[in-house]
C-alpha cells in the first residue's frame, strides 16, 4: 500500500516513456564555486580597489603590499619611493586610492597629498606613518587625506581604512580621536595653531630643504632654480613667518610636519 501522505506519481509523458526523464520541474542552483564573496557571480562583482603605495623604505612597501594584495578587493598597481615619484606614478597609472608615508625625501607625504588632491580630485588618500603625532594628523587632514593609520597596527587597521576611504568615510586610528581633537582645540584657544596657508608650495619646498640642512646651491640644483631665487624665497620665509634664522625655520618646519622632529 502506498503512503497516503505522499502524492500519487503522475503519468509519464511520451518523452518520459522513451527517455526516462521526469516531468517534475527541477530547480537550478548556482554552484558555490561560481558565486563571489559579494553574493553575485564574478562577472558582475565590483572591480578591485587600485592602490598607489608610497614609502621610502622598500621593505616597508613589501610588507604593506603583502597585507593589501592578499585581500580579494584590493590591488597595489604602483609603488613609489618618495612623494615626487608618487605624483609621477599617479599620472602614469589609474589608481583609486593613494597610501602615503609622511616622512619621505624630495616631497613629504603631506606635500604629495596636497598635489595629488589638486591633480586627481577623485583620488582618495590615506597616510600610513610611524608617527603617533597630533600635529602630523591635522596637517594630513588639511592636506586632503581622509585617513591616518599607524604602521605599528597596519596589519589590523590598514585594510579597514582602505575600504572606509572608498566609502568616503574618514578613518583615524582607534583611541586617539578624542585626545587629538581636545588638544587641537586647546592650541587654537591659546593661539598656538600655525597659519601654514600663508606659504606658497614653492616656499614650502625651500623651507623643507633648508630645514634638512641643504645649502642654497644644493637647493637651487634640486629645484632647478637660481641661487638668487633660493635666497629670495628664504628671505620671504623669514619675513612671512616672523623668524630670524635657519634654526627657527627648522623648528617651524617640524611643527608644520615638513620634516621629522
Protein backbone atom coordinates (compact mmCIF):
# COMPACT_ATOMS: atom_id res chain seq x y z
CA UNK A 1 0.00 0.00 0.00
CA UNK A 2 1.26 3.40 -0.87
CA UNK A 3 1.80 6.04 1.77
CA UNK A 4 -1.26 8.35 1.70
CA UNK A 5 0.92 11.30 2.74
CA UNK A 6 2.90 11.11 -0.49
CA UNK A 7 1.47 12.45 -3.77
CA UNK A 8 0.42 9.94 -6.40
CA UNK A 9 3.08 9.65 -9.14
CA UNK A 10 1.99 11.38 -12.33
CA UNK A 11 1.65 9.52 -15.57
CA UNK A 12 4.92 9.88 -17.54
CA UNK A 13 4.73 11.70 -20.85
CA UNK A 14 5.58 10.13 -24.17
CA UNK A 15 9.02 11.73 -23.85
CA UNK A 16 9.36 10.30 -20.37
CA UNK A 17 8.44 6.77 -21.51
CA UNK A 18 11.26 6.71 -24.03
CA UNK A 19 13.96 8.60 -22.18
CA UNK A 20 13.26 8.12 -18.51
CA UNK A 21 13.11 11.90 -17.97
CA UNK A 22 10.76 13.13 -15.23
CA UNK A 23 8.11 15.74 -15.91
CA UNK A 24 8.58 17.17 -12.41
CA UNK A 25 10.14 20.67 -12.73
CA UNK A 26 13.64 20.98 -11.35
CA UNK A 27 15.15 23.97 -9.57
CA UNK A 28 18.54 25.06 -10.95
CA UNK A 29 21.08 26.23 -8.40
CA UNK A 30 24.27 28.13 -8.99
CA UNK A 31 27.30 26.11 -7.86
CA UNK A 32 29.05 27.64 -4.85
CA UNK A 33 32.29 27.86 -6.80
CA UNK A 34 30.77 30.39 -9.22
CA UNK A 35 29.47 32.76 -6.55
CA UNK A 36 31.75 35.51 -5.28
CA UNK A 37 32.13 36.71 -1.71
CA UNK A 38 29.85 39.63 -2.60
CA UNK A 39 26.99 37.20 -3.31
CA UNK A 40 26.99 37.63 -7.09
CA UNK A 41 28.79 35.81 -9.88
CA UNK A 42 32.33 37.06 -10.50
CA UNK A 43 31.35 38.55 -13.86
CA UNK A 44 29.24 41.17 -12.07
CA UNK A 45 31.44 41.54 -8.99
CA UNK A 46 32.84 45.01 -8.24
CA UNK A 47 36.29 45.74 -9.58
CA UNK A 48 39.28 45.83 -7.26
CA UNK A 49 40.35 48.98 -5.48
CA UNK A 50 43.53 50.09 -7.26
CA UNK A 51 46.16 51.36 -4.83
CA UNK A 52 49.22 53.56 -5.23
CA UNK A 53 51.69 52.84 -2.40
CA UNK A 54 54.46 55.31 -1.46
CA UNK A 55 57.15 54.75 1.17
CA UNK A 56 60.88 55.39 1.02
CA UNK A 57 61.72 52.01 2.58
CA UNK A 58 61.46 49.09 0.15
CA UNK A 59 60.98 46.55 2.94
CA UNK A 60 58.06 48.52 4.35
CA UNK A 61 56.46 48.71 0.92
CA UNK A 62 56.87 44.97 0.52
CA UNK A 63 55.22 44.26 3.87
CA UNK A 64 52.35 46.64 3.23
CA UNK A 65 51.84 45.21 -0.24
CA UNK A 66 51.54 41.72 1.22
CA UNK A 67 48.81 42.95 3.58
CA UNK A 68 46.87 44.61 0.76
CA UNK A 69 47.30 42.12 -2.07
CA UNK A 70 46.02 39.21 -0.02
CA UNK A 71 42.58 40.87 0.07
CA UNK A 72 40.29 39.96 -2.86
CA UNK A 73 39.08 43.54 -3.36
CA UNK A 74 42.45 45.35 -3.04
CA UNK A 75 45.33 45.54 -5.53
CA UNK A 76 48.56 47.56 -5.46
CA UNK A 77 49.03 48.83 -9.02
CA UNK A 78 52.01 51.17 -8.47
CA UNK A 79 54.77 51.87 -5.94
CA UNK A 80 56.86 54.97 -5.25
CA UNK A 81 59.92 55.68 -3.10
CA UNK A 82 59.17 59.33 -2.36
CA UNK A 83 56.48 61.99 -2.69
CA UNK A 84 57.61 63.29 -6.07
CA UNK A 85 57.65 59.79 -7.55
CA UNK A 86 54.18 59.19 -6.10
CA UNK A 87 52.89 62.12 -8.16
CA UNK A 88 54.58 60.71 -11.28
CA UNK A 89 53.03 57.29 -10.63
CA UNK A 90 49.59 58.85 -10.16
CA UNK A 91 49.93 60.40 -13.61
CA UNK A 92 51.09 57.14 -15.19
CA UNK A 93 48.66 54.72 -13.51
CA UNK A 94 44.94 54.69 -12.82
CA UNK A 95 44.55 54.46 -9.04
CA UNK A 96 41.55 54.83 -6.74
CA UNK A 97 43.50 55.23 -3.52
CA UNK A 98 46.95 56.50 -2.53
CA UNK A 99 48.60 55.20 0.64
CA UNK A 100 51.41 57.59 1.56
CA UNK A 101 54.12 57.60 4.20
CA UNK A 102 54.63 61.03 5.77
CA UNK A 103 58.41 61.30 6.13
CA UNK A 104 59.86 60.87 2.63
CA UNK A 105 62.64 62.62 0.66
CA UNK A 106 62.11 65.17 -2.13
CA UNK A 107 58.45 65.69 -1.24
CA UNK A 108 56.89 64.54 2.03
CA UNK A 109 53.66 62.58 2.05
CA UNK A 110 51.89 65.74 3.21
CA UNK A 111 53.19 67.76 0.26
CA UNK A 112 52.41 64.93 -2.14
CA UNK A 113 48.88 64.65 -0.72
CA UNK A 114 48.21 68.31 -1.47
CA UNK A 115 49.44 67.97 -5.05
CA UNK A 116 47.58 64.72 -5.63
CA UNK A 117 44.35 66.21 -4.28
CA UNK A 118 44.67 69.02 -6.84
CA UNK A 119 45.88 66.76 -9.66
CA UNK A 120 43.29 63.99 -9.20
CA UNK A 121 40.33 65.20 -7.11
CA UNK A 122 38.68 61.77 -7.17
CA UNK A 123 41.73 60.02 -5.68
CA UNK A 124 41.32 59.05 -2.03
CA UNK A 125 44.38 59.48 0.18
CA UNK A 126 45.46 57.63 3.33
CA UNK A 127 48.52 58.48 5.42
CA UNK A 128 50.44 55.47 6.75
CA UNK A 129 53.00 56.53 9.34
CA UNK A 130 55.01 55.58 12.39
CA UNK A 131 54.20 58.95 14.00
CA UNK A 132 51.53 58.95 16.69
CA UNK A 133 51.62 62.72 16.49
CA UNK A 134 48.66 65.09 16.59
CA UNK A 135 50.42 67.77 14.53
CA UNK A 136 51.04 65.31 11.68
CA UNK A 137 47.44 64.11 11.91
CA UNK A 138 45.88 67.52 11.44
CA UNK A 139 48.38 68.50 8.77
CA UNK A 140 47.42 65.29 6.94
CA UNK A 141 43.72 66.11 7.11
CA UNK A 142 44.37 69.65 5.89
CA UNK A 143 46.38 68.21 3.00
CA UNK A 144 43.40 66.21 1.75
CA UNK A 145 43.90 62.84 3.45
CA UNK A 146 40.75 61.03 4.56
CA UNK A 147 42.52 58.70 6.98
CA UNK A 148 45.56 58.26 9.21
CA UNK A 149 46.90 54.78 10.02
CA UNK A 150 49.81 53.86 12.28
CA UNK A 151 52.35 51.43 10.86
CA UNK A 152 52.52 49.64 14.21
CA UNK A 153 48.95 48.41 13.71
CA UNK A 154 48.82 48.37 9.90
CA UNK A 155 48.07 44.64 9.84
CA UNK A 156 44.95 45.37 11.92
CA UNK A 157 43.75 48.72 10.57
CA UNK A 158 45.02 49.30 7.04
CA UNK A 159 42.57 47.11 5.13
CA UNK A 160 39.60 48.58 7.01
CA UNK A 161 40.95 52.08 6.39
CA UNK A 162 41.22 51.44 2.65
CA UNK A 163 37.63 50.26 2.45
CA UNK A 164 36.42 53.16 4.59
CA UNK A 165 38.19 55.61 2.31
CA UNK A 166 36.41 54.20 -0.74
CA UNK A 167 33.10 54.68 1.09
CA UNK A 168 34.06 58.35 1.63
CA UNK A 169 34.35 57.73 5.36
CA UNK A 170 37.21 59.12 7.47
CA UNK A 171 39.44 56.67 9.32
CA UNK A 172 41.53 57.56 12.37
CA UNK A 173 43.37 55.05 14.49
CA UNK A 174 41.32 53.86 17.50
CA UNK A 175 41.65 55.53 20.87
CA UNK A 176 43.22 58.75 19.56
CA UNK A 177 40.36 60.80 18.21
CA UNK A 178 39.08 62.35 21.44
CA UNK A 179 42.52 63.28 22.76
CA UNK A 180 43.67 64.71 19.43
CA UNK A 181 40.63 66.89 18.98
CA UNK A 182 40.80 68.13 22.57
CA UNK A 183 44.49 69.03 22.23
CA UNK A 184 43.93 70.69 18.88
CA UNK A 185 41.12 72.86 20.25
CA UNK A 186 43.30 73.76 23.24
CA UNK A 187 46.02 75.00 20.87
CA UNK A 188 43.50 77.06 18.91
CA UNK A 189 42.19 78.68 22.10
CA UNK A 190 45.73 79.55 23.15
CA UNK A 191 46.67 80.90 19.72
CA UNK A 192 49.26 78.18 19.11
CA UNK A 193 47.89 76.89 15.81
CA UNK A 194 50.18 77.99 12.98
CA UNK A 195 48.88 79.69 9.85
CA UNK A 196 50.53 77.35 7.34
CA UNK A 197 48.35 78.60 4.46
CA UNK A 198 50.44 81.77 4.12
CA UNK A 199 53.25 79.88 2.37
CA UNK A 200 53.26 79.07 -1.34
CA UNK A 201 54.04 75.49 -2.45
CA UNK A 202 57.48 76.63 -3.68
CA UNK A 203 58.23 78.31 -0.35
CA UNK A 204 57.30 75.07 1.42
CA UNK A 205 59.72 73.16 -0.80
CA UNK A 206 62.52 75.62 0.00
CA UNK A 207 61.65 75.57 3.71
CA UNK A 208 61.83 71.77 3.83
CA UNK A 209 65.21 71.70 2.12
CA UNK A 210 66.60 74.50 4.31
CA UNK A 211 65.44 72.63 7.42
CA UNK A 212 67.10 69.45 6.15
CA UNK A 213 70.41 71.32 6.07
CA UNK A 214 70.86 71.88 2.33
CA UNK A 215 72.87 74.88 1.17
CA UNK A 216 71.43 77.49 -1.20
CA UNK A 217 73.47 75.98 -4.04
CA UNK A 218 72.16 72.48 -3.34
CA UNK A 219 68.57 73.73 -3.12
CA UNK A 220 68.98 75.55 -6.44
CA UNK A 221 70.21 72.34 -8.09
CA UNK A 222 67.41 70.22 -6.60
CA UNK A 223 64.63 72.62 -7.60
CA UNK A 224 66.21 73.76 -10.89
CA UNK A 225 66.17 77.43 -9.91
CA UNK A 226 68.91 80.02 -9.44
CA UNK A 227 70.75 80.60 -6.18
CA UNK A 228 69.39 84.15 -6.09
CA UNK A 229 65.86 82.78 -6.31
CA UNK A 230 66.56 80.45 -3.40
CA UNK A 231 67.89 83.34 -1.35
CA UNK A 232 64.82 85.42 -2.19
CA UNK A 233 62.49 82.58 -1.09
CA UNK A 234 64.46 82.19 2.11
CA UNK A 235 64.20 85.92 2.87
CA UNK A 236 60.45 85.81 2.17
CA UNK A 237 60.08 82.86 4.55
CA UNK A 238 61.80 84.70 7.38
CA UNK A 239 59.69 87.78 6.79
CA UNK A 240 56.34 85.98 6.43
CA UNK A 241 56.86 83.79 9.49
CA UNK A 242 58.49 86.45 11.62
CA UNK A 243 61.57 84.28 12.15
CA UNK A 244 65.26 85.19 12.36
CA UNK A 245 67.45 82.33 11.18
CA UNK A 246 67.83 78.74 9.91
CA UNK A 247 67.32 77.28 13.38
CA UNK A 248 63.92 78.93 13.76
CA UNK A 249 62.98 77.88 10.22
CA UNK A 250 63.85 74.30 11.15
CA UNK A 251 61.67 74.42 14.26
CA UNK A 252 58.80 75.80 12.21
CA UNK A 253 59.26 73.04 9.61
CA UNK A 254 59.00 70.42 12.36
CA UNK A 255 55.79 71.95 13.72
CA UNK A 256 54.34 72.12 10.20
CA UNK A 257 55.09 68.44 9.59
CA UNK A 258 57.60 69.06 6.78
CA UNK A 259 60.43 67.17 8.48
CA UNK A 260 60.67 64.71 11.33
CA UNK A 261 61.40 66.00 14.85
